[in-house]
Amino acid sequence: MASDAHQVPVNLDDATLTELKTYCEFFSLDQNDLINNVLSHFLADHESIDLNQLALGYQAMGQLNEEIADEFSLTEAEAASIDQ
């Protein structure tokens, strides 16, 4: 385990634990390394999907946001002229 590693308690059901042990024994892998690698890949994939979806959402809403801003620009101009 790396020196910057931290222990995190995780509960696995019996079947999952058995599969993990069997897999690691068969491929001569350390359970901690496998779990860390799988989790890191999962989080990286999940993050990129969310960021892409967020970017697509901003692009899709861009036209609507521009229309809303245009509608209120006249109202803001009227309010500014009243204050003067």
C-alpha atoms as a PDB file:
ATOM      1  CA  MET A   1       0.000   0.000   0.000  1.00  0.00           C
ATOM      2  CA  ALA A   2       1.324   3.467  -0.866  1.00  0.00           C
ATOM      3  CA  SER A   3       2.545   5.739   1.919  1.00  0.00           C
ATOM      4  CA  ASP A   4      -0.227   8.262   1.179  1.00  0.00           C
ATOM      5  CA  ALA A   5      -2.901   5.567   1.362  1.00  0.00           C
ATOM      6  CA  HIS A   6      -5.743   5.718   3.848  1.00  0.00           C
ATOM      7  CA  GLN A   7      -7.880   2.931   5.180  1.00  0.00           C
ATOM      8  CA  VAL A   8     -11.580   3.159   4.443  1.00  0.00           C
ATOM      9  CA  PRO A   9     -13.904   0.549   5.894  1.00  0.00           C
ATOM     10  CA  VAL A  10     -16.067  -1.031   3.210  1.00  0.00           C
ATOM     11  CA  ASN A  11     -18.675  -3.730   3.717  1.00  0.00           C
ATOM     12  CA  LEU A  12     -18.869  -6.348   0.979  1.00  0.00           C
ATOM     13  CA  ASP A  13     -21.447  -9.081   0.783  1.00  0.00           C
ATOM     14  CA  ASP A  14     -20.145 -12.640   0.938  1.00  0.00           C
ATOM     15  CA  ALA A  15     -20.490 -13.292  -2.793  1.00  0.00           C
ATOM     16  CA  THR A  16     -18.621 -10.124  -3.782  1.00  0.00           C
ATOM     17  CA  LEU A  17     -15.837 -10.790  -1.302  1.00  0.00           C
ATOM     18  CA  THR A  18     -15.470 -14.343  -2.571  1.00  0.00           C
ATOM     19  CA  GLU A  19     -15.294 -13.126  -6.180  1.00  0.00           C
ATOM     20  CA  LEU A  20     -12.737 -10.478  -5.233  1.00  0.00           C
ATOM     21  CA  LYS A  21     -10.524 -12.971  -3.443  1.00  0.00           C
ATOM     22  CA  THR A  22     -10.804 -15.523  -6.247  1.00  0.00           C
ATOM     23  CA  TYR A  23     -10.032 -12.937  -8.935  1.00  0.00           C
ATOM     24  CA  CYS A  24      -7.035 -11.544  -7.071  1.00  0.00           C
ATOM     25  CA  GLU A  25      -5.648 -14.990  -6.318  1.00  0.00           C
ATOM     26  CA  PHE A  26      -6.072 -16.139  -9.926  1.00  0.00           C
ATOM     27  CA  PHE A  27      -4.367 -13.050 -11.388  1.00  0.00           C
ATOM     28  CA  SER A  28      -1.892 -12.592  -8.508  1.00  0.00           C
ATOM     29  CA  LEU A  29      -3.213  -9.143  -7.677  1.00  0.00           C
ATOM     30  CA  ASP A  30      -3.314  -7.255  -4.413  1.00  0.00           C
ATOM     31  CA  GLN A  31      -6.927  -6.649  -3.377  1.00  0.00           C
ATOM     32  CA  ASN A  32      -6.213  -3.080  -2.275  1.00  0.00           C
ATOM     33  CA  ASP A  33      -4.490  -2.230  -5.554  1.00  0.00           C
ATOM     34  CA  LEU A  34      -7.337  -3.691  -7.580  1.00  0.00           C
ATOM     35  CA  ILE A  35     -10.033  -1.859  -5.627  1.00  0.00           C
ATOM     36  CA  ASN A  36      -8.076   1.410  -5.760  1.00  0.00           C
ATOM     37  CA  ASN A  37      -7.553   1.128  -9.539  1.00  0.00           C
ATOM     38  CA  VAL A  38     -11.160   0.190 -10.257  1.00  0.00           C
ATOM     39  CA  LEU A  39     -12.507   2.983  -8.078  1.00  0.00           C
ATOM     40  CA  SER A  40     -10.124   5.542  -9.589  1.00  0.00           C
ATOM     41  CA  HIS A  41     -11.202   4.595 -13.106  1.00  0.00           C
ATOM     42  CA  PHE A  42     -14.869   4.681 -12.137  1.00  0.00           C
ATOM     43  CA  LEU A  43     -14.561   8.146 -10.613  1.00  0.00           C
ATOM     44  CA  ALA A  44     -12.588   9.488 -13.583  1.00  0.00           C
ATOM     45  CA  ASP A  45     -15.159   8.139 -16.045  1.00  0.00           C
ATOM     46  CA  HIS A  46     -18.042   9.436 -13.966  1.00  0.00           C
ATOM     47  CA  GLU A  47     -16.498  12.900 -13.662  1.00  0.00           C
ATOM     48  CA  SER A  48     -15.899  13.258 -17.397  1.00  0.00           C
ATOM     49  CA  ILE A  49     -19.460  12.169 -18.181  1.00  0.00           C
ATOM     50  CA  ASP A  50     -20.897  14.725 -15.776  1.00  0.00           C
ATOM     51  CA  LEU A  51     -18.702  17.524 -17.116  1.00  0.00           C
ATOM     52  CA  ASN A  52     -19.647  16.694 -20.690  1.00  0.00           C
ATOM     53  CA  GLN A  53     -23.331  16.660 -19.775  1.00  0.00           C
ATOM     54  CA  LEU A  54     -22.929  19.972 -17.977  1.00  0.00           C
ATOM     55  CA  ALA A  55     -21.239  21.532 -21.007  1.00  0.00           C
ATOM     56  CA  LEU A  56     -23.975  20.231 -23.299  1.00  0.00           C
ATOM     57  CA  GLY A  57     -26.590  21.677 -20.961  1.00  0.00           C
ATOM     58  CA  TYR A  58     -24.972  25.108 -21.048  1.00  0.00           C
ATOM     59  CA  GLN A  59     -24.822  24.962 -24.832  1.00  0.00           C
ATOM     60  CA  ALA A  60     -28.454  23.894 -25.090  1.00  0.00           C
ATOM     61  CA  MET A  61     -29.606  26.656 -22.738  1.00  0.00           C
ATOM     62  CA  GLY A  62     -27.425  29.360 -24.296  1.00  0.00           C
ATOM     63  CA  GLN A  63     -30.021  30.586 -26.774  1.00  0.00           C
ATOM     64  CA  LEU A  64     -32.773  30.654 -24.142  1.00  0.00           C
ATOM     65  CA  ASN A  65     -30.557  32.550 -21.702  1.00  0.00           C
ATOM     66  CA  GLU A  66     -29.736  35.091 -24.396  1.00  0.00           C
ATOM     67  CA  GLU A  67     -33.436  35.588 -25.176  1.00  0.00           C
ATOM     68  CA  ILE A  68     -34.253  36.097 -21.493  1.00  0.00           C
ATOM     69  CA  ALA A  69     -31.430  38.613 -21.110  1.00  0.00           C
ATOM     70  CA  ASP A  70     -32.641  40.509 -24.181  1.00  0.00           C
ATOM     71  CA  GLU A  71     -36.196  40.655 -22.811  1.00  0.00           C
ATOM     72  CA  PHE A  72     -35.034  42.189 -19.549  1.00  0.00           C
ATOM     73  CA  SER A  73     -32.554  44.641 -21.061  1.00  0.00           C
ATOM     74  CA  LEU A  74     -35.406  47.028 -21.913  1.00  0.00           C
ATOM     75  CA  THR A  75     -36.741  46.777 -18.360  1.00  0.00           C
ATOM     76  CA  GLU A  76     -33.307  47.585 -16.964  1.00  0.00           C
ATOM     77  CA  ALA A  77     -32.984  50.566 -19.295  1.00  0.00           C
ATOM     78  CA  GLU A  78     -36.390  51.854 -18.169  1.00  0.00           C
ATOM     79  CA  ALA A  79     -35.434  51.460 -14.515  1.00  0.00           C
ATOM     80  CA  ALA A  80     -32.181  53.316 -15.087  1.00  0.00           C
ATOM     81  CA  SER A  81     -33.992  56.230 -16.755  1.00  0.00           C
ATOM     82  CA  ILE A  82     -36.415  56.534 -13.807  1.00  0.00           C
ATOM     83  CA  ASP A  83     -33.536  56.797 -11.326  1.00  0.00           C
ATOM     84  CA  GLN A  84     -32.030  59.765 -13.168  1.00  0.00           C
END
